[in-house]
Amino acid sequence: MALMISPQVRIKLANKQPPVSKDEILQCFANRTGKLLSDTRAEHLTNPITRWFIAETDFGRKLKVVFIPQSGDIIIKSAFDPNAEELRIYARFG
């Protein structure tokens, strides 16, 4: 299973404040304790369904990681610091 990040997504992650690295995303996958949630909103609908979770990096930074599982690989769509609403949703359902 490979973690795939397109050049466009790499640029988007690098421009976040603070930037998000591939290592931080890998740490979040390793440190995840909750469930994977599905994003079924019409404007974000993908096939297969987009999944997301919130987890901490090894240094305690919380990230929301958004990805698509496809053919045994993980395609990263985005990763960023979650807002209060996302934290609330994940605390309740994740």
Protein backbone atom coordinates (compact mmCIF):
# COMPACT_ATOMS: atom_id res chain seq x y z
CA MET A 1 0.00 0.00 0.00
CA ALA A 2 1.47 3.35 -1.10
CA LEU A 3 0.67 6.88 -0.02
CA MET A 4 0.13 8.89 -3.20
CA ILE A 5 0.28 12.70 -3.27
CA SER A 6 -0.13 14.46 -6.61
CA PRO A 7 2.10 17.45 -7.48
CA GLN A 8 -0.92 19.78 -7.16
CA VAL A 9 -1.76 18.48 -3.68
CA ARG A 10 1.92 18.73 -2.64
CA ILE A 11 1.85 22.43 -3.58
CA LYS A 12 -1.42 22.92 -1.67
CA LEU A 13 0.04 21.23 1.44
CA ALA A 14 3.24 23.29 1.20
CA ASN A 15 1.21 26.52 1.08
CA LYS A 16 -0.80 25.73 4.24
CA GLN A 17 0.01 27.82 7.31
CA PRO A 18 1.81 26.03 8.81
CA PRO A 19 2.74 23.68 5.94
CA VAL A 20 1.78 20.00 6.12
CA SER A 21 4.44 17.41 5.28
CA LYS A 22 4.14 13.85 3.98
CA ASP A 23 5.83 12.68 7.20
CA GLU A 24 3.11 14.36 9.28
CA ILE A 25 0.42 12.64 7.23
CA LEU A 26 2.13 9.26 7.69
CA GLN A 27 2.37 9.92 11.45
CA CYS A 28 -1.37 10.65 11.57
CA PHE A 29 -2.13 7.34 9.84
CA ALA A 30 0.10 5.54 12.35
CA ASN A 31 -1.40 7.39 15.35
CA ARG A 32 -5.08 7.18 14.31
CA THR A 33 -7.33 5.76 17.01
CA GLY A 34 -10.84 6.61 15.79
CA LYS A 35 -12.94 5.47 12.86
CA LEU A 36 -12.67 6.58 9.27
CA LEU A 37 -15.56 8.86 8.32
CA SER A 38 -17.01 9.26 4.82
CA ASP A 39 -17.57 12.57 3.06
CA THR A 40 -20.89 12.13 1.27
CA ARG A 41 -21.57 15.80 0.54
CA ALA A 42 -22.55 16.21 -3.11
CA GLU A 43 -19.79 18.74 -3.90
CA HIS A 44 -17.13 16.32 -2.53
CA LEU A 45 -18.56 13.07 -3.89
CA THR A 46 -15.99 10.70 -5.39
CA ASN A 47 -15.92 7.08 -6.47
CA PRO A 48 -14.75 5.46 -4.26
CA ILE A 49 -16.06 7.63 -1.43
CA THR A 50 -13.66 10.14 0.13
CA ARG A 51 -12.61 9.16 3.66
CA TRP A 52 -11.25 11.32 6.45
CA PHE A 53 -10.05 11.24 10.04
CA ILE A 54 -8.40 13.46 12.62
CA ALA A 55 -5.25 12.32 14.39
CA GLU A 56 -2.14 13.76 15.98
CA THR A 57 1.38 13.83 14.60
CA ASP A 58 4.21 12.56 16.77
CA PHE A 59 4.61 16.14 18.01
CA GLY A 60 0.94 16.60 18.97
CA ARG A 61 -0.29 18.59 15.96
CA LYS A 62 -3.85 17.59 15.06
CA LEU A 63 -4.56 17.17 11.37
CA LYS A 64 -7.64 16.32 9.39
CA VAL A 65 -6.46 13.91 6.67
CA VAL A 66 -8.70 13.56 3.62
CA PHE A 67 -8.03 10.70 1.20
CA ILE A 68 -9.42 8.22 -1.30
CA PRO A 69 -8.58 4.51 -0.96
CA GLN A 70 -8.02 3.11 -4.44
CA SER A 71 -6.62 -0.23 -5.60
CA GLY A 72 -4.79 -0.78 -2.32
CA ASP A 73 -3.21 2.70 -2.38
CA ILE A 74 -4.10 5.84 -0.45
CA ILE A 75 -4.54 8.97 -2.54
CA ILE A 76 -4.25 12.10 -0.40
CA LYS A 77 -6.69 14.86 -1.29
CA SER A 78 -5.80 17.22 1.56
CA ALA A 79 -4.53 17.54 5.12
CA PHE A 80 -4.93 20.55 7.38
CA ASP A 81 -5.52 21.76 10.92
CA PRO A 82 -9.17 20.93 11.73
CA ASN A 83 -11.62 23.63 12.76
CA ALA A 84 -13.88 23.42 15.82
CA GLU A 85 -16.80 21.92 13.87
CA GLU A 86 -14.64 19.17 12.35
CA LEU A 87 -13.22 18.36 15.80
CA ARG A 88 -16.77 18.18 17.18
CA ILE A 89 -17.96 15.86 14.39
CA TYR A 90 -14.96 13.57 14.75
CA ALA A 91 -15.26 13.45 18.54
CA ARG A 92 -18.89 12.36 18.16
CA PHE A 93 -18.71 9.96 15.22
CA GLY A 94 -15.03 9.06 14.85
